[in-house]
C-alpha cells in the first residue's frame, strides 16, 4: 500500500514538472516571436 502511494506521488511530481516545463517553453516562444529592429548597412557598388 505504501509503495502505491509513493509511486502515485512520484507520478504527480513528474506530471507537474512536465507541465511547468511546457508552460515555460510556450511563454519563451511568445517572446522570441517579437520582431526586433535591425540596422542594415547600405551596400556599396563596386567600381567597374
PDB file of N, CA and C in Angstrom:
ATOM      1  N   UNK A   1       0.830  -1.207   0.000  1.00  0.00           N
ATOM      2  CA  UNK A   1       0.000   0.000   0.000  1.00  0.00           C
ATOM      3  C   UNK A   1       0.870   1.265   0.000  1.00  0.00           C
ATOM      4  N   UNK A   2       1.913   1.278   0.797  1.00  0.00           N
ATOM      5  CA  UNK A   2       2.807   2.438   0.860  1.00  0.00           C
ATOM      6  C   UNK A   2       3.490   2.667  -0.474  1.00  0.00           C
ATOM      7  N   UNK A   3       3.860   1.568  -1.140  1.00  0.00           N
ATOM      8  CA  UNK A   3       4.543   1.694  -2.431  1.00  0.00           C
ATOM      9  C   UNK A   3       3.616   2.321  -3.478  1.00  0.00           C
ATOM     10  N   UNK A   4       2.361   1.982  -3.435  1.00  0.00           N
ATOM     11  CA  UNK A   4       1.401   2.562  -4.378  1.00  0.00           C
ATOM     12  C   UNK A   4       1.294   4.071  -4.159  1.00  0.00           C
ATOM     13  N   UNK A   5       1.253   4.492  -2.914  1.00  0.00           N
ATOM     14  CA  UNK A   5       1.157   5.922  -2.599  1.00  0.00           C
ATOM     15  C   UNK A   5       2.412   6.657  -3.063  1.00  0.00           C
ATOM     16  N   UNK A   6       3.576   6.042  -2.807  1.00  0.00           N
ATOM     17  CA  UNK A   6       4.829   6.674  -3.242  1.00  0.00           C
ATOM     18  C   UNK A   6       4.900   6.776  -4.760  1.00  0.00           C
ATOM     19  N   UNK A   7       4.512   5.717  -5.459  1.00  0.00           N
ATOM     20  CA  UNK A   7       4.530   5.750  -6.924  1.00  0.00           C
ATOM     21  C   UNK A   7       3.567   6.805  -7.453  1.00  0.00           C
ATOM     22  N   UNK A   8       2.429   6.941  -6.831  1.00  0.00           N
ATOM     23  CA  UNK A   8       1.458   7.954  -7.249  1.00  0.00           C
ATOM     24  C   UNK A   8       2.018   9.354  -7.025  1.00  0.00           C
ATOM     25  N   UNK A   9       2.664   9.553  -5.889  1.00  0.00           N
ATOM     26  CA  UNK A   9       3.239  10.863  -5.591  1.00  0.00           C
ATOM     27  C   UNK A   9       4.335  11.213  -6.594  1.00  0.00           C
ATOM     28  N   UNK A  10       5.158  10.238  -6.930  1.00  0.00           N
ATOM     29  CA  UNK A  10       6.226  10.474  -7.918  1.00  0.00           C
ATOM     30  C   UNK A  10       5.628  10.788  -9.283  1.00  0.00           C
ATOM     31  N   UNK A  11       4.587  10.065  -9.672  1.00  0.00           N
ATOM     32  CA  UNK A  11       3.941  10.323 -10.957  1.00  0.00           C
ATOM     33  C   UNK A  11       3.355  11.733 -11.004  1.00  0.00           C
ATOM     34  N   UNK A  12       2.762  12.168  -9.890  1.00  0.00           N
ATOM     35  CA  UNK A  12       2.193  13.520  -9.838  1.00  0.00           C
ATOM     36  C   UNK A  12       3.293  14.571  -9.936  1.00  0.00           C
ATOM     37  N   UNK A  13       4.416  14.331  -9.260  1.00  0.00           N
ATOM     38  CA  UNK A  13       5.533  15.286  -9.332  1.00  0.00           C
ATOM     39  C   UNK A  13       6.097  15.371 -10.747  1.00  0.00           C
ATOM     40  N   UNK A  14       6.229  14.236 -11.418  1.00  0.00           N
ATOM     41  CA  UNK A  14       6.746  14.236 -12.798  1.00  0.00           C
ATOM     42  C   UNK A  14       5.781  14.980 -13.715  1.00  0.00           C
ATOM     43  N   UNK A  15       4.487  14.746 -13.548  1.00  0.00           N
ATOM     44  CA  UNK A  15       3.495  15.439 -14.378  1.00  0.00           C
ATOM     45  C   UNK A  15       3.540  16.946 -14.134  1.00  0.00           C
ATOM     46  N   UNK A  16       3.693  17.343 -12.881  1.00  0.00           N
ATOM     47  CA  UNK A  16       3.749  18.767 -12.565  1.00  0.00           C
ATOM     48  C   UNK A  16       4.988  19.411 -13.172  1.00  0.00           C
ATOM     49  N   UNK A  17       6.115  18.705 -13.106  1.00  0.00           N
ATOM     50  CA  UNK A  17       7.348  19.237 -13.698  1.00  0.00           C
ATOM     51  C   UNK A  17       7.217  19.361 -15.209  1.00  0.00           C
ATOM     52  N   UNK A  18       6.601  18.382 -15.850  1.00  0.00           N
ATOM     53  CA  UNK A  18       6.412  18.435 -17.307  1.00  0.00           C
ATOM     54  C   UNK A  18       5.505  19.601 -17.689  1.00  0.00           C
ATOM     55  N   UNK A  19       4.457  19.798 -16.914  1.00  0.00           N
ATOM     56  CA  UNK A  19       3.538  20.910 -17.193  1.00  0.00           C
ATOM     57  C   UNK A  19       4.234  22.250 -17.017  1.00  0.00           C
ATOM     58  N   UNK A  20       5.047  22.372 -15.982  1.00  0.00           N
ATOM     59  CA  UNK A  20       5.770  23.625 -15.751  1.00  0.00           C
ATOM     60  C   UNK A  20       6.763  23.887 -16.881  1.00  0.00           C
ATOM     61  N   UNK A  21       7.439  22.842 -17.339  1.00  0.00           N
ATOM     62  CA  UNK A  21       8.392  22.998 -18.442  1.00  0.00           C
ATOM     63  C   UNK A  21       7.675  23.414 -19.726  1.00  0.00           C
ATOM     64  N   UNK A  22       6.559  22.770 -20.020  1.00  0.00           N
ATOM     65  CA  UNK A  22       5.802  23.111 -21.224  1.00  0.00           C
ATOM     66  C   UNK A  22       5.301  24.555 -21.164  1.00  0.00           C
ATOM     67  N   UNK A  23       4.846  24.984 -20.021  1.00  0.00           N
ATOM     68  CA  UNK A  23       4.373  26.364 -19.863  1.00  0.00           C
ATOM     69  C   UNK A  23       5.517  27.353 -20.080  1.00  0.00           C
ATOM     70  N   UNK A  24       6.692  27.043 -19.534  1.00  0.00           N
ATOM     71  CA  UNK A  24       7.840  27.931 -19.695  1.00  0.00           C
ATOM     72  C   UNK A  24       8.260  28.017 -21.157  1.00  0.00           C
ATOM     73  N   UNK A  25       8.220  26.901 -21.865  1.00  0.00           N
ATOM     74  CA  UNK A  25       8.597  26.896 -23.285  1.00  0.00           C
ATOM     75  C   UNK A  25       7.625  27.732 -24.098  1.00  0.00           C
ATOM     76  N   UNK A  26       6.342  27.590 -23.831  1.00  0.00           N
ATOM     77  CA  UNK A  26       5.350  28.370 -24.581  1.00  0.00           C
ATOM     78  C   UNK A  26       5.504  29.859 -24.310  1.00  0.00           C
ATOM     79  N   UNK A  27       5.793  30.230 -23.085  1.00  0.00           N
ATOM     80  CA  UNK A  27       5.983  31.651 -22.783  1.00  0.00           C
ATOM     81  C   UNK A  27       7.230  32.203 -23.450  1.00  0.00           C
ATOM     82  N   UNK A  28       8.305  31.416 -23.517  1.00  0.00           N
ATOM     83  CA  UNK A  28       9.536  31.893 -24.151  1.00  0.00           C
ATOM     84  C   UNK A  28       9.360  32.022 -25.659  1.00  0.00           C
ATOM     85  N   UNK A  29       8.512  31.186 -26.273  1.00  0.00           N
ATOM     86  CA  UNK A  29       8.260  31.299 -27.710  1.00  0.00           C
ATOM     87  C   UNK A  29       7.555  32.612 -28.028  1.00  0.00           C
ATOM     88  N   UNK A  30       6.659  33.044 -27.162  1.00  0.00           N
ATOM     89  CA  UNK A  30       5.963  34.318 -27.379  1.00  0.00           C
ATOM     90  C   UNK A  30       6.962  35.466 -27.404  1.00  0.00           C
ATOM     91  N   UNK A  31       7.951  35.419 -26.538  1.00  0.00           N
ATOM     92  CA  UNK A  31       8.962  36.474 -26.512  1.00  0.00           C
ATOM     93  C   UNK A  31       9.856  36.401 -27.743  1.00  0.00           C
ATOM     94  N   UNK A  32      10.162  35.212 -28.199  1.00  0.00           N
ATOM     95  CA  UNK A  32      11.069  35.052 -29.332  1.00  0.00           C
ATOM     96  C   UNK A  32      10.418  35.511 -30.640  1.00  0.00           C
ATOM     97  N   UNK A  33       9.090  35.490 -30.697  1.00  0.00           N
ATOM     98  CA  UNK A  33       8.409  35.840 -31.936  1.00  0.00           C
ATOM     99  C   UNK A  33       8.324  37.346 -32.170  1.00  0.00           C
ATOM    100  N   UNK A  34       8.665  38.151 -31.173  1.00  0.00           N
ATOM    101  CA  UNK A  34       8.598  39.595 -31.344  1.00  0.00           C
ATOM    102  C   UNK A  34       9.669  40.057 -32.315  1.00  0.00           C
ATOM    103  N   UNK A  35       9.292  40.968 -33.208  1.00  0.00           N
ATOM    104  CA  UNK A  35      10.251  41.480 -34.191  1.00  0.00           C
ATOM    105  C   UNK A  35      11.176  42.496 -33.540  1.00  0.00           C
ATOM    106  N   UNK A  36      12.439  42.381 -33.859  1.00  0.00           N
ATOM    107  CA  UNK A  36      13.448  43.294 -33.325  1.00  0.00           C
ATOM    108  C   UNK A  36      13.999  44.111 -34.477  1.00  0.00           C
ATOM    109  N   UNK A  37      13.988  45.438 -34.383  1.00  0.00           N
ATOM    110  CA  UNK A  37      14.526  46.249 -35.481  1.00  0.00           C
ATOM    111  C   UNK A  37      16.030  46.027 -35.646  1.00  0.00           C
ATOM    112  N   UNK A  38      16.453  45.867 -36.892  1.00  0.00           N
ATOM    113  CA  UNK A  38      17.866  45.615 -37.186  1.00  0.00           C
ATOM    114  C   UNK A  38      18.320  46.628 -38.220  1.00  0.00           C
ATOM    115  N   UNK A  39      19.463  47.217 -37.986  1.00  0.00           N
ATOM    116  CA  UNK A  39      20.006  48.159 -38.956  1.00  0.00           C
ATOM    117  C   UNK A  39      20.857  47.398 -39.968  1.00  0.00           C
ATOM    118  N   UNK A  40      20.643  47.716 -41.238  1.00  0.00           N
ATOM    119  CA  UNK A  40      21.402  47.065 -42.307  1.00  0.00           C
ATOM    120  C   UNK A  40      22.241  48.127 -42.993  1.00  0.00           C
ATOM    121  N   UNK A  41      23.538  47.856 -43.117  1.00  0.00           N
ATOM    122  CA  UNK A  41      24.419  48.820 -43.781  1.00  0.00           C
ATOM    123  C   UNK A  41      24.153  48.800 -45.288  1.00  0.00           C
ATOM    124  N   UNK A  42      24.177  49.988 -45.888  1.00  0.00           N
ATOM    125  CA  UNK A  42      23.967  50.102 -47.319  1.00  0.00           C
ATOM    126  C   UNK A  42      25.147  49.479 -48.065  1.00  0.00           C
ATOM    127  N   UNK A  43      24.828  48.720 -49.111  1.00  0.00           N
ATOM    128  CA  UNK A  43      25.895  48.096 -49.903  1.00  0.00           C
ATOM    129  C   UNK A  43      26.463  49.084 -50.904  1.00  0.00           C
ATOM    130  N   UNK A  44      27.754  49.115 -51.001  1.00  0.00           N
ATOM    131  CA  UNK A  44      28.405  49.980 -51.986  1.00  0.00           C
ATOM    132  C   UNK A  44      28.637  49.180 -53.261  1.00  0.00           C
ATOM    133  N   UNK A  45      28.331  49.814 -54.379  1.00  0.00           N
ATOM    134  CA  UNK A  45      28.534  49.133 -55.660  1.00  0.00           C
ATOM    135  C   UNK A  45      30.007  49.159 -56.021  1.00  0.00           C
ATOM    136  N   UNK A  46      30.556  48.024 -56.433  1.00  0.00           N
ATOM    137  CA  UNK A  46      31.971  48.016 -56.814  1.00  0.00           C
ATOM    138  C   UNK A  46      32.204  48.809 -58.115  1.00  0.00           C
ATOM    139  N   UNK A  47      33.347  49.433 -58.185  1.00  0.00           N
ATOM    140  CA  UNK A  47      33.670  50.216 -59.388  1.00  0.00           C
ATOM    141  C   UNK A  47      33.998  49.252 -60.520  1.00  0.00           C
ATOM    142  N   UNK A  48      33.380  49.489 -61.648  1.00  0.00           N
ATOM    143  CA  UNK A  48      33.668  48.578 -62.736  1.00  0.00           C
ATOM    144  C   UNK A  48      33.148  49.078 -63.976  1.00  0.00           C
TER     145      UNK A  48
END
